[in-house]
Amino acid sequence: MKQNESSIPVKPETRVAKEVALSELTPVNTNGTKLLNGNFSIISGLKVSVEVLVGSAEISVEELFSLDKGSVVALQESHHAPLIVRLDGKPIASGNLVVVGDRFGIAIQDILATPAAK
């Protein structure tokens, strides 16, 4: 046995869950300094995920189960319709499909109105 080792077995720490009594939050005046105070540089390095919606289709369950390799589902949108760019499921822009090197891209044509920040 090494010098710092003990021959007494150590029991894992016992944790006890206790109920927490919370009181109702009372509204307070929030005219103080805002968290970021308009300085978004602190979070500018965060990554967000955007998605581009090409189109949608409504098909019956029977049609769904009959889909096979090579099946084609026609979308409701025209091939000339702009694609919708979404952030967190909400539309933020629209544009046209382009090719960037060996990948798809979207050329933004319109910035959609966004609700005012709360």
PDB file of N, CA and C in Angstrom:
ATOM      1  N   MET A   1       0.844  -1.164   0.000  1.00  0.00           N
ATOM      2  CA  MET A   1       0.000   0.000   0.000  1.00  0.00           C
ATOM      3  C   MET A   1       0.896   1.236   0.000  1.00  0.00           C
ATOM      4  N   LYS A   2       0.517   2.229  -0.830  1.00  0.00           N
ATOM      5  CA  LYS A   2       1.301   3.457  -0.900  1.00  0.00           C
ATOM      6  C   LYS A   2       1.054   4.292   0.342  1.00  0.00           C
ATOM      7  N   GLN A   3       1.946   5.229   0.569  1.00  0.00           N
ATOM      8  CA  GLN A   3       1.907   6.033   1.788  1.00  0.00           C
ATOM      9  C   GLN A   3       0.607   6.835   1.924  1.00  0.00           C
ATOM     10  N   ASN A   4       0.073   7.387   0.829  1.00  0.00           N
ATOM     11  CA  ASN A   4      -1.126   8.233   0.910  1.00  0.00           C
ATOM     12  C   ASN A   4      -2.425   7.447   0.774  1.00  0.00           C
ATOM     13  N   GLU A   5      -2.349   6.160   0.522  1.00  0.00           N
ATOM     14  CA  GLU A   5      -3.559   5.369   0.339  1.00  0.00           C
ATOM     15  C   GLU A   5      -4.122   4.944   1.683  1.00  0.00           C
ATOM     16  N   SER A   6      -5.446   4.822   1.743  1.00  0.00           N
ATOM     17  CA  SER A   6      -6.116   4.393   2.965  1.00  0.00           C
ATOM     18  C   SER A   6      -6.724   3.023   2.730  1.00  0.00           C
ATOM     19  N   SER A   7      -6.718   2.191   3.735  1.00  0.00           N
ATOM     20  CA  SER A   7      -7.336   0.878   3.608  1.00  0.00           C
ATOM     21  C   SER A   7      -8.807   0.925   3.993  1.00  0.00           C
ATOM     22  N   ILE A   8      -9.292   2.099   4.408  1.00  0.00           N
ATOM     23  CA  ILE A   8     -10.696   2.252   4.785  1.00  0.00           C
ATOM     24  C   ILE A   8     -11.500   2.549   3.521  1.00  0.00           C
ATOM     25  N   PRO A   9     -12.530   1.721   3.226  1.00  0.00           N
ATOM     26  CA  PRO A   9     -13.338   1.988   2.030  1.00  0.00           C
ATOM     27  C   PRO A   9     -14.061   3.329   2.165  1.00  0.00           C
ATOM     28  N   VAL A  10     -14.092   4.071   1.064  1.00  0.00           N
ATOM     29  CA  VAL A  10     -14.752   5.377   1.050  1.00  0.00           C
ATOM     30  C   VAL A  10     -16.113   5.205   0.397  1.00  0.00           C
ATOM     31  N   LYS A  11     -17.162   5.632   1.090  1.00  0.00           N
ATOM     32  CA  LYS A  11     -18.515   5.534   0.552  1.00  0.00           C
ATOM     33  C   LYS A  11     -18.769   6.728  -0.362  1.00  0.00           C
ATOM     34  N   PRO A  12     -19.516   6.496  -1.446  1.00  0.00           N
ATOM     35  CA  PRO A  12     -19.864   7.627  -2.307  1.00  0.00           C
ATOM     36  C   PRO A  12     -20.680   8.650  -1.515  1.00  0.00           C
ATOM     37  N   GLU A  13     -20.534   9.885  -1.890  1.00  0.00           N
ATOM     38  CA  GLU A  13     -21.245  10.970  -1.207  1.00  0.00           C
ATOM     39  C   GLU A  13     -22.749  10.748  -1.320  1.00  0.00           C
ATOM     40  N   THR A  14     -23.443  10.891  -0.216  1.00  0.00           N
ATOM     41  CA  THR A  14     -24.892  10.763  -0.215  1.00  0.00           C
ATOM     42  C   THR A  14     -25.490  12.139  -0.457  1.00  0.00           C
ATOM     43  N   ARG A  15     -26.351  12.223  -1.453  1.00  0.00           N
ATOM     44  CA  ARG A  15     -26.984  13.497  -1.779  1.00  0.00           C
ATOM     45  C   ARG A  15     -28.450  13.423  -1.401  1.00  0.00           C
ATOM     46  N   VAL A  16     -28.918  14.453  -0.762  1.00  0.00           N
ATOM     47  CA  VAL A  16     -30.306  14.513  -0.339  1.00  0.00           C
ATOM     48  C   VAL A  16     -30.987  15.631  -1.113  1.00  0.00           C
ATOM     49  N   ALA A  17     -32.097  15.300  -1.754  1.00  0.00           N
ATOM     50  CA  ALA A  17     -32.863  16.311  -2.476  1.00  0.00           C
ATOM     51  C   ALA A  17     -33.792  17.009  -1.502  1.00  0.00           C
ATOM     52  N   LYS A  18     -33.781  18.313  -1.536  1.00  0.00           N
ATOM     53  CA  LYS A  18     -34.647  19.095  -0.658  1.00  0.00           C
ATOM     54  C   LYS A  18     -35.561  19.954  -1.509  1.00  0.00           C
ATOM     55  N   GLU A  19     -36.789  20.110  -1.043  1.00  0.00           N
ATOM     56  CA  GLU A  19     -37.719  20.983  -1.744  1.00  0.00           C
ATOM     57  C   GLU A  19     -37.289  22.426  -1.560  1.00  0.00           C
ATOM     58  N   VAL A  20     -37.567  23.224  -2.586  1.00  0.00           N
ATOM     59  CA  VAL A  20     -37.243  24.643  -2.537  1.00  0.00           C
ATOM     60  C   VAL A  20     -38.553  25.414  -2.547  1.00  0.00           C
ATOM     61  N   ALA A  21     -38.710  26.296  -1.599  1.00  0.00           N
ATOM     62  CA  ALA A  21     -39.911  27.134  -1.551  1.00  0.00           C
ATOM     63  C   ALA A  21     -39.624  28.414  -2.325  1.00  0.00           C
ATOM     64  N   LEU A  22     -40.362  28.617  -3.404  1.00  0.00           N
ATOM     65  CA  LEU A  22     -40.182  29.809  -4.230  1.00  0.00           C
ATOM     66  C   LEU A  22     -41.362  30.742  -4.038  1.00  0.00           C
ATOM     67  N   SER A  23     -41.085  32.005  -3.954  1.00  0.00           N
ATOM     68  CA  SER A  23     -42.168  32.981  -3.860  1.00  0.00           C
ATOM     69  C   SER A  23     -42.422  33.554  -5.244  1.00  0.00           C
ATOM     70  N   GLU A  24     -43.607  34.078  -5.444  1.00  0.00           N
ATOM     71  CA  GLU A  24     -43.980  34.661  -6.726  1.00  0.00           C
ATOM     72  C   GLU A  24     -43.103  35.873  -7.009  1.00  0.00           C
ATOM     73  N   LEU A  25     -42.671  35.967  -8.252  1.00  0.00           N
ATOM     74  CA  LEU A  25     -41.829  37.082  -8.661  1.00  0.00           C
ATOM     75  C   LEU A  25     -42.679  38.341  -8.780  1.00  0.00           C
ATOM     76  N   THR A  26     -42.229  39.400  -8.177  1.00  0.00           N
ATOM     77  CA  THR A  26     -42.953  40.668  -8.278  1.00  0.00           C
ATOM     78  C   THR A  26     -42.269  41.531  -9.326  1.00  0.00           C
ATOM     79  N   PRO A  27     -43.064  42.173 -10.186  1.00  0.00           N
ATOM     80  CA  PRO A  27     -42.482  43.021 -11.233  1.00  0.00           C
ATOM     81  C   PRO A  27     -41.657  44.149 -10.620  1.00  0.00           C
ATOM     82  N   VAL A  28     -40.555  44.462 -11.285  1.00  0.00           N
ATOM     83  CA  VAL A  28     -39.703  45.558 -10.835  1.00  0.00           C
ATOM     84  C   VAL A  28     -39.476  46.514 -11.996  1.00  0.00           C
ATOM     85  N   ASN A  29     -39.080  47.722 -11.683  1.00  0.00           N
ATOM     86  CA  ASN A  29     -38.777  48.712 -12.701  1.00  0.00           C
ATOM     87  C   ASN A  29     -37.502  48.278 -13.425  1.00  0.00           C
ATOM     88  N   THR A  30     -37.574  48.138 -14.740  1.00  0.00           N
ATOM     89  CA  THR A  30     -36.415  47.667 -15.502  1.00  0.00           C
ATOM     90  C   THR A  30     -35.843  48.771 -16.384  1.00  0.00           C
ATOM     91  N   ASN A  31     -35.687  49.940 -15.833  1.00  0.00           N
ATOM     92  CA  ASN A  31     -35.149  51.055 -16.608  1.00  0.00           C
ATOM     93  C   ASN A  31     -33.634  51.159 -16.508  1.00  0.00           C
ATOM     94  N   GLY A  32     -32.990  50.167 -15.947  1.00  0.00           N
ATOM     95  CA  GLY A  32     -31.536  50.207 -15.783  1.00  0.00           C
ATOM     96  C   GLY A  32     -30.819  49.854 -17.069  1.00  0.00           C
ATOM     97  N   THR A  33     -29.544  49.610 -16.958  1.00  0.00           N
ATOM     98  CA  THR A  33     -28.718  49.245 -18.099  1.00  0.00           C
ATOM     99  C   THR A  33     -29.116  47.867 -18.605  1.00  0.00           C
ATOM    100  N   LYS A  34     -29.267  47.745 -19.905  1.00  0.00           N
ATOM    101  CA  LYS A  34     -29.615  46.468 -20.527  1.00  0.00           C
ATOM    102  C   LYS A  34     -28.414  45.537 -20.486  1.00  0.00           C
ATOM    103  N   LEU A  35     -28.678  44.244 -20.556  1.00  0.00           N
ATOM    104  CA  LEU A  35     -27.625  43.237 -20.449  1.00  0.00           C
ATOM    105  C   LEU A  35     -26.497  43.483 -21.450  1.00  0.00           C
ATOM    106  N   LEU A  36     -26.821  43.576 -22.727  1.00  0.00           N
ATOM    107  CA  LEU A  36     -25.789  43.810 -23.733  1.00  0.00           C
ATOM    108  C   LEU A  36     -25.665  45.285 -24.088  1.00  0.00           C
ATOM    109  N   ASN A  37     -26.649  46.076 -23.692  1.00  0.00           N
ATOM    110  CA  ASN A  37     -26.652  47.522 -23.927  1.00  0.00           C
ATOM    111  C   ASN A  37     -26.347  47.857 -25.384  1.00  0.00           C
ATOM    112  N   GLY A  38     -26.901  47.064 -26.302  1.00  0.00           N
ATOM    113  CA  GLY A  38     -26.707  47.311 -27.724  1.00  0.00           C
ATOM    114  C   GLY A  38     -25.355  46.863 -28.252  1.00  0.00           C
ATOM    115  N   ASN A  39     -24.485  46.332 -27.413  1.00  0.00           N
ATOM    116  CA  ASN A  39     -23.162  45.885 -27.836  1.00  0.00           C
ATOM    117  C   ASN A  39     -23.217  44.394 -28.159  1.00  0.00           C
ATOM    118  N   PHE A  40     -23.468  44.080 -29.403  1.00  0.00           N
ATOM    119  CA  PHE A  40     -23.610  42.683 -29.799  1.00  0.00           C
ATOM    120  C   PHE A  40     -22.272  42.030 -30.113  1.00  0.00           C
ATOM    121  N   SER A  41     -21.176  42.771 -30.012  1.00  0.00           N
ATOM    122  CA  SER A  41     -19.870  42.181 -30.313  1.00  0.00           C
ATOM    123  C   SER A  41     -19.542  41.037 -29.357  1.00  0.00           C
ATOM    124  N   ILE A  42     -20.103  41.076 -28.159  1.00  0.00           N
ATOM    125  CA  ILE A  42     -19.835  40.022 -27.179  1.00  0.00           C
ATOM    126  C   ILE A  42     -20.377  38.663 -27.638  1.00  0.00           C
ATOM    127  N   ILE A  43     -21.408  38.672 -28.474  1.00  0.00           N
ATOM    128  CA  ILE A  43     -21.984  37.408 -28.949  1.00  0.00           C
ATOM    129  C   ILE A  43     -21.822  37.227 -30.452  1.00  0.00           C
ATOM    130  N   SER A  44     -21.103  38.120 -31.110  1.00  0.00           N
ATOM    131  CA  SER A  44     -21.001  38.065 -32.570  1.00  0.00           C
ATOM    132  C   SER A  44     -20.328  36.790 -33.072  1.00  0.00           C
ATOM    133  N   GLY A  45     -19.557  36.116 -32.246  1.00  0.00           N
ATOM    134  CA  GLY A  45     -18.899  34.883 -32.657  1.00  0.00           C
ATOM    135  C   GLY A  45     -19.756  33.639 -32.519  1.00  0.00           C
ATOM    136  N   LEU A  46     -20.938  33.773 -31.933  1.00  0.00           N
ATOM    137  CA  LEU A  46     -21.823  32.613 -31.783  1.00  0.00           C
ATOM    138  C   LEU A  46     -22.283  32.125 -33.146  1.00  0.00           C
ATOM    139  N   LYS A  47     -22.421  30.836 -33.293  1.00  0.00           N
ATOM    140  CA  LYS A  47     -22.909  30.248 -34.537  1.00  0.00           C
ATOM    141  C   LYS A  47     -24.405  30.003 -34.417  1.00  0.00           C
ATOM    142  N   VAL A  48     -25.138  30.329 -35.469  1.00  0.00           N
ATOM    143  CA  VAL A  48     -26.565  30.035 -35.535  1.00  0.00           C
ATOM    144  C   VAL A  48     -26.795  29.179 -36.772  1.00  0.00           C
ATOM    145  N   SER A  49     -27.880  28.471 -36.776  1.00  0.00           N
ATOM    146  CA  SER A  49     -28.196  27.612 -37.901  1.00  0.00           C
ATOM    147  C   SER A  49     -29.361  28.209 -38.680  1.00  0.00           C
ATOM    148  N   VAL A  50     -29.135  28.439 -39.958  1.00  0.00           N
ATOM    149  CA  VAL A  50     -30.214  28.907 -40.819  1.00  0.00           C
ATOM    150  C   VAL A  50     -30.554  27.779 -41.786  1.00  0.00           C
ATOM    151  N   GLU A  51     -31.785  27.761 -42.210  1.00  0.00           N
ATOM    152  CA  GLU A  51     -32.206  26.755 -43.180  1.00  0.00           C
ATOM    153  C   GLU A  51     -32.910  27.463 -44.322  1.00  0.00           C
ATOM    154  N   VAL A  52     -32.883  26.857 -45.486  1.00  0.00           N
ATOM    155  CA  VAL A  52     -33.527  27.421 -46.664  1.00  0.00           C
ATOM    156  C   VAL A  52     -34.653  26.483 -47.065  1.00  0.00           C
ATOM    157  N   LEU A  53     -35.856  27.028 -47.118  1.00  0.00           N
ATOM    158  CA  LEU A  53     -37.033  26.241 -47.465  1.00  0.00           C
ATOM    159  C   LEU A  53     -37.259  26.313 -48.970  1.00  0.00           C
ATOM    160  N   VAL A  54     -37.150  25.175 -49.618  1.00  0.00           N
ATOM    161  CA  VAL A  54     -37.342  25.110 -51.062  1.00  0.00           C
ATOM    162  C   VAL A  54     -38.827  25.075 -51.393  1.00  0.00           C
ATOM    163  N   GLY A  55     -39.589  24.310 -50.644  1.00  0.00           N
ATOM    164  CA  GLY A  55     -41.008  24.203 -50.916  1.00  0.00           C
ATOM    165  C   GLY A  55     -41.645  23.140 -50.054  1.00  0.00           C
ATOM    166  N   SER A  56     -42.913  22.933 -50.281  1.00  0.00           N
ATOM    167  CA  SER A  56     -43.645  21.935 -49.510  1.00  0.00           C
ATOM    168  C   SER A  56     -44.673  21.262 -50.408  1.00  0.00           C
ATOM    169  N   ALA A  57     -45.157  20.144 -49.941  1.00  0.00           N
ATOM    170  CA  ALA A  57     -46.176  19.399 -50.674  1.00  0.00           C
ATOM    171  C   ALA A  57     -47.108  18.750 -49.669  1.00  0.00           C
ATOM    172  N   GLU A  58     -48.332  18.578 -50.062  1.00  0.00           N
ATOM    173  CA  GLU A  58     -49.302  17.870 -49.233  1.00  0.00           C
ATOM    174  C   GLU A  58     -49.685  16.608 -49.981  1.00  0.00           C
ATOM    175  N   ILE A  59     -49.405  15.471 -49.351  1.00  0.00           N
ATOM    176  CA  ILE A  59     -49.737  14.195 -49.974  1.00  0.00           C
ATOM    177  C   ILE A  59     -50.494  13.342 -48.968  1.00  0.00           C
ATOM    178  N   SER A  60     -51.236  12.381 -49.490  1.00  0.00           N
ATOM    179  CA  SER A  60     -51.991  11.486 -48.612  1.00  0.00           C
ATOM    180  C   SER A  60     -51.044  10.464 -47.986  1.00  0.00           C
ATOM    181  N   VAL A  61     -51.506   9.835 -46.934  1.00  0.00           N
ATOM    182  CA  VAL A  61     -50.722   8.784 -46.293  1.00  0.00           C
ATOM    183  C   VAL A  61     -50.498   7.640 -47.285  1.00  0.00           C
ATOM    184  N   GLU A  62     -51.500   7.356 -48.087  1.00  0.00           N
ATOM    185  CA  GLU A  62     -51.352   6.298 -49.097  1.00  0.00           C
ATOM    186  C   GLU A  62     -50.222   6.640 -50.071  1.00  0.00           C
ATOM    187  N   GLU A  63     -50.189   7.908 -50.526  1.00  0.00           N
ATOM    188  CA  GLU A  63     -49.113   8.334 -51.426  1.00  0.00           C
ATOM    189  C   GLU A  63     -47.756   8.265 -50.723  1.00  0.00           C
ATOM    190  N   LEU A  64     -47.736   8.644 -49.451  1.00  0.00           N
ATOM    191  CA  LEU A  64     -46.498   8.605 -48.674  1.00  0.00           C
ATOM    192  C   LEU A  64     -45.928   7.192 -48.631  1.00  0.00           C
ATOM    193  N   PHE A  65     -46.794   6.209 -48.339  1.00  0.00           N
ATOM    194  CA  PHE A  65     -46.331   4.832 -48.227  1.00  0.00           C
ATOM    195  C   PHE A  65     -46.020   4.200 -49.575  1.00  0.00           C
ATOM    196  N   SER A  66     -46.489   4.808 -50.661  1.00  0.00           N
ATOM    197  CA  SER A  66     -46.180   4.245 -51.980  1.00  0.00           C
ATOM    198  C   SER A  66     -44.917   4.858 -52.586  1.00  0.00           C
ATOM    199  N   LEU A  67     -44.292   5.824 -51.890  1.00  0.00           N
ATOM    200  CA  LEU A  67     -43.052   6.414 -52.402  1.00  0.00           C
ATOM    201  C   LEU A  67     -41.955   5.366 -52.427  1.00  0.00           C
ATOM    202  N   ASP A  68     -41.179   5.401 -53.479  1.00  0.00           N
ATOM    203  CA  ASP A  68     -40.091   4.450 -53.654  1.00  0.00           C
ATOM    204  C   ASP A  68     -38.923   5.195 -54.280  1.00  0.00           C
ATOM    205  N   LYS A  69     -37.794   4.547 -54.351  1.00  0.00           N
ATOM    206  CA  LYS A  69     -36.636   5.156 -54.990  1.00  0.00           C
ATOM    207  C   LYS A  69     -37.019   5.570 -56.408  1.00  0.00           C
ATOM    208  N   GLY A  70     -36.744   6.811 -56.746  1.00  0.00           N
ATOM    209  CA  GLY A  70     -37.085   7.330 -58.064  1.00  0.00           C
ATOM    210  C   GLY A  70     -38.415   8.061 -58.101  1.00  0.00           C
ATOM    211  N   SER A  71     -39.220   7.964 -57.033  1.00  0.00           N
ATOM    212  CA  SER A  71     -40.490   8.693 -56.983  1.00  0.00           C
ATOM    213  C   SER A  71     -40.214  10.193 -56.972  1.00  0.00           C
ATOM    214  N   VAL A  72     -41.130  10.958 -57.513  1.00  0.00           N
ATOM    215  CA  VAL A  72     -41.013  12.415 -57.534  1.00  0.00           C
ATOM    216  C   VAL A  72     -42.231  13.000 -56.848  1.00  0.00           C
ATOM    217  N   VAL A  73     -41.998  13.908 -55.916  1.00  0.00           N
ATOM    218  CA  VAL A  73     -43.079  14.623 -55.241  1.00  0.00           C
ATOM    219  C   VAL A  73     -43.030  16.062 -55.737  1.00  0.00           C
ATOM    220  N   ALA A  74     -44.082  16.499 -56.405  1.00  0.00           N
ATOM    221  CA  ALA A  74     -44.142  17.871 -56.912  1.00  0.00           C
ATOM    222  C   ALA A  74     -44.421  18.823 -55.755  1.00  0.00           C
ATOM    223  N   LEU A  75     -43.650  19.883 -55.677  1.00  0.00           N
ATOM    224  CA  LEU A  75     -43.840  20.889 -54.632  1.00  0.00           C
ATOM    225  C   LEU A  75     -44.860  21.917 -55.094  1.00  0.00           C
ATOM    226  N   GLN A  76     -45.474  22.594 -54.151  1.00  0.00           N
ATOM    227  CA  GLN A  76     -46.505  23.580 -54.466  1.00  0.00           C
ATOM    228  C   GLN A  76     -45.922  24.841 -55.096  1.00  0.00           C
ATOM    229  N   GLU A  77     -44.672  25.149 -54.788  1.00  0.00           N
ATOM    230  CA  GLU A  77     -44.072  26.391 -55.243  1.00  0.00           C
ATOM    231  C   GLU A  77     -43.611  26.286 -56.700  1.00  0.00           C
ATOM    232  N   SER A  78     -43.692  27.409 -57.402  1.00  0.00           N
ATOM    233  CA  SER A  78     -43.191  27.498 -58.768  1.00  0.00           C
ATOM    234  C   SER A  78     -41.667  27.433 -58.746  1.00  0.00           C
ATOM    235  N   HIS A  79     -41.080  26.966 -59.828  1.00  0.00           N
ATOM    236  CA  HIS A  79     -39.615  26.917 -59.875  1.00  0.00           C
ATOM    237  C   HIS A  79     -39.001  28.319 -59.946  1.00  0.00           C
ATOM    238  N   HIS A  80     -39.831  29.343 -60.179  1.00  0.00           N
ATOM    239  CA  HIS A  80     -39.350  30.731 -60.189  1.00  0.00           C
ATOM    240  C   HIS A  80     -39.531  31.404 -58.829  1.00  0.00           C
ATOM    241  N   ALA A  81     -40.234  30.762 -57.919  1.00  0.00           N
ATOM    242  CA  ALA A  81     -40.520  31.374 -56.610  1.00  0.00           C
ATOM    243  C   ALA A  81     -39.231  31.509 -55.804  1.00  0.00           C
ATOM    244  N   PRO A  82     -39.089  32.616 -55.071  1.00  0.00           N
ATOM    245  CA  PRO A  82     -37.899  32.762 -54.223  1.00  0.00           C
ATOM    246  C   PRO A  82     -37.919  31.733 -53.092  1.00  0.00           C
ATOM    247  N   LEU A  83     -36.736  31.354 -52.646  1.00  0.00           N
ATOM    248  CA  LEU A  83     -36.606  30.437 -51.525  1.00  0.00           C
ATOM    249  C   LEU A  83     -36.649  31.241 -50.232  1.00  0.00           C
ATOM    250  N   ILE A  84     -37.117  30.624 -49.168  1.00  0.00           N
ATOM    251  CA  ILE A  84     -37.259  31.307 -47.883  1.00  0.00           C
ATOM    252  C   ILE A  84     -36.124  30.886 -46.954  1.00  0.00           C
ATOM    253  N   VAL A  85     -35.434  31.882 -46.385  1.00  0.00           N
ATOM    254  CA  VAL A  85     -34.374  31.638 -45.402  1.00  0.00           C
ATOM    255  C   VAL A  85     -35.016  31.734 -44.027  1.00  0.00           C
ATOM    256  N   ARG A  86     -34.809  30.707 -43.194  1.00  0.00           N
ATOM    257  CA  ARG A  86     -35.416  30.704 -41.861  1.00  0.00           C
ATOM    258  C   ARG A  86     -34.342  30.599 -40.784  1.00  0.00           C
ATOM    259  N   LEU A  87     -34.584  31.305 -39.701  1.00  0.00           N
ATOM    260  CA  LEU A  87     -33.742  31.246 -38.508  1.00  0.00           C
ATOM    261  C   LEU A  87     -34.649  30.836 -37.369  1.00  0.00           C
ATOM    262  N   ASP A  88     -34.321  29.743 -36.714  1.00  0.00           N
ATOM    263  CA  ASP A  88     -35.146  29.224 -35.622  1.00  0.00           C
ATOM    264  C   ASP A  88     -36.588  29.015 -36.081  1.00  0.00           C
ATOM    265  N   GLY A  89     -36.752  28.563 -37.320  1.00  0.00           N
ATOM    266  CA  GLY A  89     -38.072  28.276 -37.864  1.00  0.00           C
ATOM    267  C   GLY A  89     -38.848  29.486 -38.339  1.00  0.00           C
ATOM    268  N   LYS A  90     -38.288  30.681 -38.182  1.00  0.00           N
ATOM    269  CA  LYS A  90     -38.986  31.910 -38.571  1.00  0.00           C
ATOM    270  C   LYS A  90     -38.364  32.479 -39.840  1.00  0.00           C
ATOM    271  N   PRO A  91     -39.201  32.860 -40.820  1.00  0.00           N
ATOM    272  CA  PRO A  91     -38.654  33.417 -42.062  1.00  0.00           C
ATOM    273  C   PRO A  91     -37.985  34.770 -41.815  1.00  0.00           C
ATOM    274  N   ILE A  92     -36.764  34.930 -42.349  1.00  0.00           N
ATOM    275  CA  ILE A  92     -36.042  36.191 -42.163  1.00  0.00           C
ATOM    276  C   ILE A  92     -35.631  36.834 -43.484  1.00  0.00           C
ATOM    277  N   ALA A  93     -35.594  36.042 -44.564  1.00  0.00           N
ATOM    278  CA  ALA A  93     -35.176  36.581 -45.854  1.00  0.00           C
ATOM    279  C   ALA A  93     -35.662  35.657 -46.959  1.00  0.00           C
ATOM    280  N   SER A  94     -35.556  36.132 -48.189  1.00  0.00           N
ATOM    281  CA  SER A  94     -35.847  35.283 -49.339  1.00  0.00           C
ATOM    282  C   SER A  94     -34.794  35.549 -50.401  1.00  0.00           C
ATOM    283  N   GLY A  95     -34.636  34.602 -51.296  1.00  0.00           N
ATOM    284  CA  GLY A  95     -33.623  34.769 -52.330  1.00  0.00           C
ATOM    285  C   GLY A  95     -33.677  33.666 -53.359  1.00  0.00           C
ATOM    286  N   ASN A  96     -32.673  33.671 -54.220  1.00  0.00           N
ATOM    287  CA  ASN A  96     -32.613  32.726 -55.328  1.00  0.00           C
ATOM    288  C   ASN A  96     -31.489  31.721 -55.122  1.00  0.00           C
ATOM    289  N   LEU A  97     -31.739  30.503 -55.573  1.00  0.00           N
ATOM    290  CA  LEU A  97     -30.751  29.441 -55.480  1.00  0.00           C
ATOM    291  C   LEU A  97     -29.603  29.736 -56.441  1.00  0.00           C
ATOM    292  N   VAL A  98     -28.365  29.610 -55.954  1.00  0.00           N
ATOM    293  CA  VAL A  98     -27.174  29.817 -56.778  1.00  0.00           C
ATOM    294  C   VAL A  98     -26.198  28.677 -56.506  1.00  0.00           C
ATOM    295  N   VAL A  99     -25.171  28.589 -57.326  1.00  0.00           N
ATOM    296  CA  VAL A  99     -24.108  27.620 -57.122  1.00  0.00           C
ATOM    297  C   VAL A  99     -22.867  28.386 -56.702  1.00  0.00           C
ATOM    298  N   VAL A 100     -22.254  27.955 -55.591  1.00  0.00           N
ATOM    299  CA  VAL A 100     -21.032  28.565 -55.070  1.00  0.00           C
ATOM    300  C   VAL A 100     -19.972  27.467 -55.050  1.00  0.00           C
ATOM    301  N   GLY A 101     -19.090  27.478 -56.041  1.00  0.00           N
ATOM    302  CA  GLY A 101     -18.113  26.392 -56.156  1.00  0.00           C
ATOM    303  C   GLY A 101     -18.831  25.092 -56.441  1.00  0.00           C
ATOM    304  N   ASP A 102     -18.692  24.126 -55.540  1.00  0.00           N
ATOM    305  CA  ASP A 102     -19.388  22.849 -55.713  1.00  0.00           C
ATOM    306  C   ASP A 102     -20.542  22.697 -54.727  1.00  0.00           C
ATOM    307  N   ARG A 103     -21.042  23.826 -54.226  1.00  0.00           N
ATOM    308  CA  ARG A 103     -22.145  23.803 -53.250  1.00  0.00           C
ATOM    309  C   ARG A 103     -23.277  24.712 -53.702  1.00  0.00           C
ATOM    310  N   PHE A 104     -24.435  24.487 -53.090  1.00  0.00           N
ATOM    311  CA  PHE A 104     -25.547  25.401 -53.293  1.00  0.00           C
ATOM    312  C   PHE A 104     -25.369  26.611 -52.401  1.00  0.00           C
ATOM    313  N   GLY A 105     -25.961  27.710 -52.790  1.00  0.00           N
ATOM    314  CA  GLY A 105     -25.990  28.913 -51.974  1.00  0.00           C
ATOM    315  C   GLY A 105     -27.296  29.629 -52.226  1.00  0.00           C
ATOM    316  N   ILE A 106     -27.496  30.722 -51.548  1.00  0.00           N
ATOM    317  CA  ILE A 106     -28.693  31.523 -51.781  1.00  0.00           C
ATOM    318  C   ILE A 106     -28.283  32.982 -51.895  1.00  0.00           C
ATOM    319  N   ALA A 107     -28.726  33.615 -52.967  1.00  0.00           N
ATOM    320  CA  ALA A 107     -28.476  35.041 -53.169  1.00  0.00           C
ATOM    321  C   ALA A 107     -29.658  35.784 -52.554  1.00  0.00           C
ATOM    322  N   ILE A 108     -29.421  36.488 -51.464  1.00  0.00           N
ATOM    323  CA  ILE A 108     -30.494  37.175 -50.742  1.00  0.00           C
ATOM    324  C   ILE A 108     -31.056  38.293 -51.616  1.00  0.00           C
ATOM    325  N   GLN A 109     -32.363  38.271 -51.811  1.00  0.00           N
ATOM    326  CA  GLN A 109     -33.039  39.286 -52.606  1.00  0.00           C
ATOM    327  C   GLN A 109     -33.880  40.228 -51.755  1.00  0.00           C
ATOM    328  N   ASP A 110     -34.349  39.724 -50.609  1.00  0.00           N
ATOM    329  CA  ASP A 110     -35.254  40.528 -49.786  1.00  0.00           C
ATOM    330  C   ASP A 110     -35.073  40.149 -48.318  1.00  0.00           C
ATOM    331  N   ILE A 111     -35.012  41.150 -47.466  1.00  0.00           N
ATOM    332  CA  ILE A 111     -34.991  40.937 -46.021  1.00  0.00           C
ATOM    333  C   ILE A 111     -36.426  41.095 -45.544  1.00  0.00           C
ATOM    334  N   LEU A 112     -36.954  40.068 -44.914  1.00  0.00           N
ATOM    335  CA  LEU A 112     -38.349  40.091 -44.476  1.00  0.00           C
ATOM    336  C   LEU A 112     -38.480  40.871 -43.181  1.00  0.00           C
ATOM    337  N   ALA A 113     -39.615  41.496 -42.998  1.00  0.00           N
ATOM    338  CA  ALA A 113     -39.875  42.257 -41.774  1.00  0.00           C
ATOM    339  C   ALA A 113     -39.826  41.315 -40.583  1.00  0.00           C
ATOM    340  N   THR A 114     -39.143  41.740 -39.537  1.00  0.00           N
ATOM    341  CA  THR A 114     -39.066  40.936 -38.322  1.00  0.00           C
ATOM    342  C   THR A 114     -39.775  41.672 -37.208  1.00  0.00           C
ATOM    343  N   PRO A 115     -40.398  40.941 -36.295  1.00  0.00           N
ATOM    344  CA  PRO A 115     -41.071  41.610 -35.181  1.00  0.00           C
ATOM    345  C   PRO A 115     -40.065  42.364 -34.325  1.00  0.00           C
ATOM    346  N   ALA A 116     -40.507  43.443 -33.731  1.00  0.00           N
ATOM    347  CA  ALA A 116     -39.636  44.242 -32.866  1.00  0.00           C
ATOM    348  C   ALA A 116     -39.191  43.417 -31.675  1.00  0.00           C
ATOM    349  N   ALA A 117     -37.972  43.655 -31.236  1.00  0.00           N
ATOM    350  CA  ALA A 117     -37.451  42.949 -30.059  1.00  0.00           C
ATOM    351  C   ALA A 117     -38.231  43.363 -28.832  1.00  0.00           C
ATOM    352  N   LYS A 118     -38.422  42.411 -27.924  1.00  0.00           N
ATOM    353  CA  LYS A 118     -39.185  42.693 -26.704  1.00  0.00           C
ATOM    354  C   LYS A 118     -38.296  43.291 -25.663  1.00  0.00           C
TER     355      LYS A 118
END
